């Protein structure tokens, strides 16, 4: 019975470590994507503002 309990403990530790790694990875990639999206949006707004003055 002791081996089964140890195997369960190790599988639970591996599972929670995987969840922790996945959470950190998704948080990091989400933050990078938000930054890229905001940068892209600001670049679009600036260029459209700049070109609208050239047309007028």
N, C-alpha and C. Protein backbone atom coordinates (compact mmCIF):
# COMPACT_ATOMS: atom_id res chain seq x y z
N UNK A 1 0.81 -1.19 0.00
CA UNK A 1 0.00 0.00 0.00
C UNK A 1 0.86 1.27 0.00
N UNK A 2 2.07 1.18 0.58
CA UNK A 2 2.95 2.34 0.64
C UNK A 2 3.43 2.78 -0.73
N UNK A 3 3.68 1.81 -1.63
CA UNK A 3 4.14 2.15 -2.98
C UNK A 3 3.05 2.86 -3.77
N UNK A 4 1.81 2.42 -3.59
CA UNK A 4 0.69 3.05 -4.30
C UNK A 4 0.52 4.49 -3.83
N UNK A 5 0.66 4.69 -2.54
CA UNK A 5 0.53 6.05 -2.00
C UNK A 5 1.64 6.95 -2.52
N UNK A 6 2.88 6.42 -2.58
CA UNK A 6 3.99 7.21 -3.11
C UNK A 6 3.78 7.55 -4.58
N UNK A 7 3.29 6.56 -5.34
CA UNK A 7 3.03 6.81 -6.76
C UNK A 7 1.96 7.88 -6.93
N UNK A 8 0.94 7.82 -6.09
CA UNK A 8 -0.11 8.84 -6.13
C UNK A 8 0.42 10.21 -5.77
N UNK A 9 1.28 10.25 -4.76
CA UNK A 9 1.88 11.53 -4.36
C UNK A 9 2.72 12.12 -5.48
N UNK A 10 3.53 11.28 -6.11
CA UNK A 10 4.39 11.77 -7.19
C UNK A 10 3.58 12.21 -8.41
N UNK A 11 2.52 11.46 -8.72
CA UNK A 11 1.70 11.86 -9.87
C UNK A 11 0.98 13.17 -9.57
N UNK A 12 0.53 13.35 -8.33
CA UNK A 12 -0.11 14.61 -7.96
C UNK A 12 0.88 15.78 -8.03
N UNK A 13 2.10 15.55 -7.56
CA UNK A 13 3.13 16.59 -7.62
C UNK A 13 3.46 16.94 -9.07
N UNK A 14 3.55 15.93 -9.92
CA UNK A 14 3.84 16.19 -11.33
C UNK A 14 2.69 16.95 -11.98
N UNK A 15 1.47 16.58 -11.63
CA UNK A 15 0.29 17.25 -12.19
C UNK A 15 0.24 18.72 -11.76
N UNK A 16 0.45 18.98 -10.47
CA UNK A 16 0.40 20.37 -10.00
C UNK A 16 1.58 21.18 -10.53
N UNK A 17 2.74 20.54 -10.70
CA UNK A 17 3.88 21.25 -11.31
C UNK A 17 3.55 21.62 -12.75
N UNK A 18 2.90 20.71 -13.46
CA UNK A 18 2.49 20.99 -14.84
C UNK A 18 1.49 22.14 -14.90
N UNK A 19 0.55 22.14 -13.97
CA UNK A 19 -0.41 23.25 -13.93
C UNK A 19 0.27 24.58 -13.62
N UNK A 20 1.23 24.55 -12.72
CA UNK A 20 1.96 25.77 -12.39
C UNK A 20 2.75 26.29 -13.57
N UNK A 21 3.45 25.40 -14.26
CA UNK A 21 4.21 25.80 -15.43
C UNK A 21 3.30 26.35 -16.52
N UNK A 22 2.17 25.67 -16.74
CA UNK A 22 1.22 26.12 -17.76
C UNK A 22 0.67 27.49 -17.42
N UNK A 23 0.35 27.72 -16.16
CA UNK A 23 -0.17 29.02 -15.73
C UNK A 23 0.85 30.12 -15.97
N UNK A 24 2.09 29.87 -15.60
CA UNK A 24 3.15 30.88 -15.81
C UNK A 24 3.36 31.13 -17.29
N UNK A 25 3.38 30.07 -18.10
CA UNK A 25 3.58 30.22 -19.54
C UNK A 25 2.44 31.02 -20.17
N UNK A 26 1.20 30.67 -19.83
CA UNK A 26 0.07 31.38 -20.42
C UNK A 26 0.01 32.84 -19.97
N UNK A 27 0.37 33.10 -18.73
CA UNK A 27 0.41 34.49 -18.24
C UNK A 27 1.45 35.30 -18.99
N UNK A 28 2.62 34.71 -19.20
CA UNK A 28 3.69 35.42 -19.91
C UNK A 28 3.31 35.67 -21.36
N UNK A 29 2.79 34.65 -22.04
CA UNK A 29 2.44 34.85 -23.45
C UNK A 29 1.26 35.80 -23.60
N UNK A 30 0.32 35.77 -22.67
CA UNK A 30 -0.80 36.71 -22.72
C UNK A 30 -0.30 38.14 -22.56
N UNK A 31 0.61 38.35 -21.62
CA UNK A 31 1.15 39.69 -21.40
C UNK A 31 1.89 40.19 -22.63
N UNK A 32 2.67 39.32 -23.26
CA UNK A 32 3.40 39.70 -24.47
C UNK A 32 2.42 40.03 -25.58
N UNK A 33 1.37 39.24 -25.73
CA UNK A 33 0.39 39.50 -26.79
C UNK A 33 -0.38 40.79 -26.54
N UNK A 34 -0.70 41.09 -25.30
CA UNK A 34 -1.37 42.36 -24.99
C UNK A 34 -0.46 43.52 -25.34
N UNK A 35 0.81 43.43 -24.98
CA UNK A 35 1.77 44.49 -25.30
C UNK A 35 1.89 44.68 -26.81
N UNK A 36 2.01 43.57 -27.55
CA UNK A 36 2.11 43.67 -29.01
C UNK A 36 0.85 44.25 -29.62
N UNK A 37 -0.30 43.85 -29.09
CA UNK A 37 -1.56 44.38 -29.61
C UNK A 37 -1.69 45.87 -29.36
N UNK A 38 -1.32 46.31 -28.16
CA UNK A 38 -1.40 47.74 -27.87
C UNK A 38 -0.40 48.52 -28.71
N UNK A 39 0.78 47.97 -28.90
CA UNK A 39 1.78 48.64 -29.73
C UNK A 39 1.29 48.75 -31.17
N UNK A 40 0.72 47.67 -31.67
CA UNK A 40 0.21 47.68 -33.04
C UNK A 40 -0.93 48.68 -33.17
N UNK A 41 -1.81 48.70 -32.18
CA UNK A 41 -2.95 49.61 -32.23
C UNK A 41 -2.48 51.06 -32.19
N UNK A 42 -1.52 51.36 -31.35
CA UNK A 42 -1.00 52.73 -31.28
C UNK A 42 -0.31 53.11 -32.58
N UNK A 43 0.40 52.18 -33.18
CA UNK A 43 1.07 52.47 -34.46
C UNK A 43 0.04 52.73 -35.55
N UNK A 44 -1.05 51.99 -35.54
CA UNK A 44 -2.10 52.22 -36.53
C UNK A 44 -2.75 53.57 -36.33
N UNK A 45 -3.00 53.93 -35.10
CA UNK A 45 -3.65 55.21 -34.82
C UNK A 45 -2.75 56.37 -35.21
N UNK A 46 -1.48 56.29 -34.93
CA UNK A 46 -0.55 57.36 -35.26
C UNK A 46 -0.41 57.50 -36.77
N UNK A 47 -0.27 56.38 -37.48
CA UNK A 47 -0.08 56.47 -38.92
C UNK A 47 -1.34 56.97 -39.61
N UNK A 48 -2.53 56.55 -39.15
CA UNK A 48 -3.75 57.04 -39.78
C UNK A 48 -3.93 58.52 -39.49
N UNK A 49 -3.55 58.97 -38.30
CA UNK A 49 -3.62 60.39 -37.98
C UNK A 49 -2.64 61.18 -38.85
N UNK A 50 -1.45 60.64 -39.03
CA UNK A 50 -0.43 61.31 -39.83
C UNK A 50 -0.88 61.41 -41.29
N UNK A 51 -1.38 60.30 -41.84
CA UNK A 51 -1.77 60.30 -43.25
C UNK A 51 -3.05 61.11 -43.48
N UNK A 52 -3.91 61.21 -42.49
CA UNK A 52 -5.12 62.00 -42.69
C UNK A 52 -4.77 63.48 -42.84
N UNK A 53 -3.71 63.93 -42.17
CA UNK A 53 -3.30 65.32 -42.32
C UNK A 53 -2.60 65.56 -43.67
N UNK A 54 -1.96 64.55 -44.20
CA UNK A 54 -1.32 64.70 -45.50
C UNK A 54 -2.36 64.81 -46.61
N UNK A 55 -3.46 64.09 -46.46
CA UNK A 55 -4.50 64.11 -47.49
C UNK A 55 -5.22 65.45 -47.49
N UNK A 56 -5.45 66.00 -46.31
CA UNK A 56 -6.14 67.28 -46.23
C UNK A 56 -5.20 68.36 -46.67
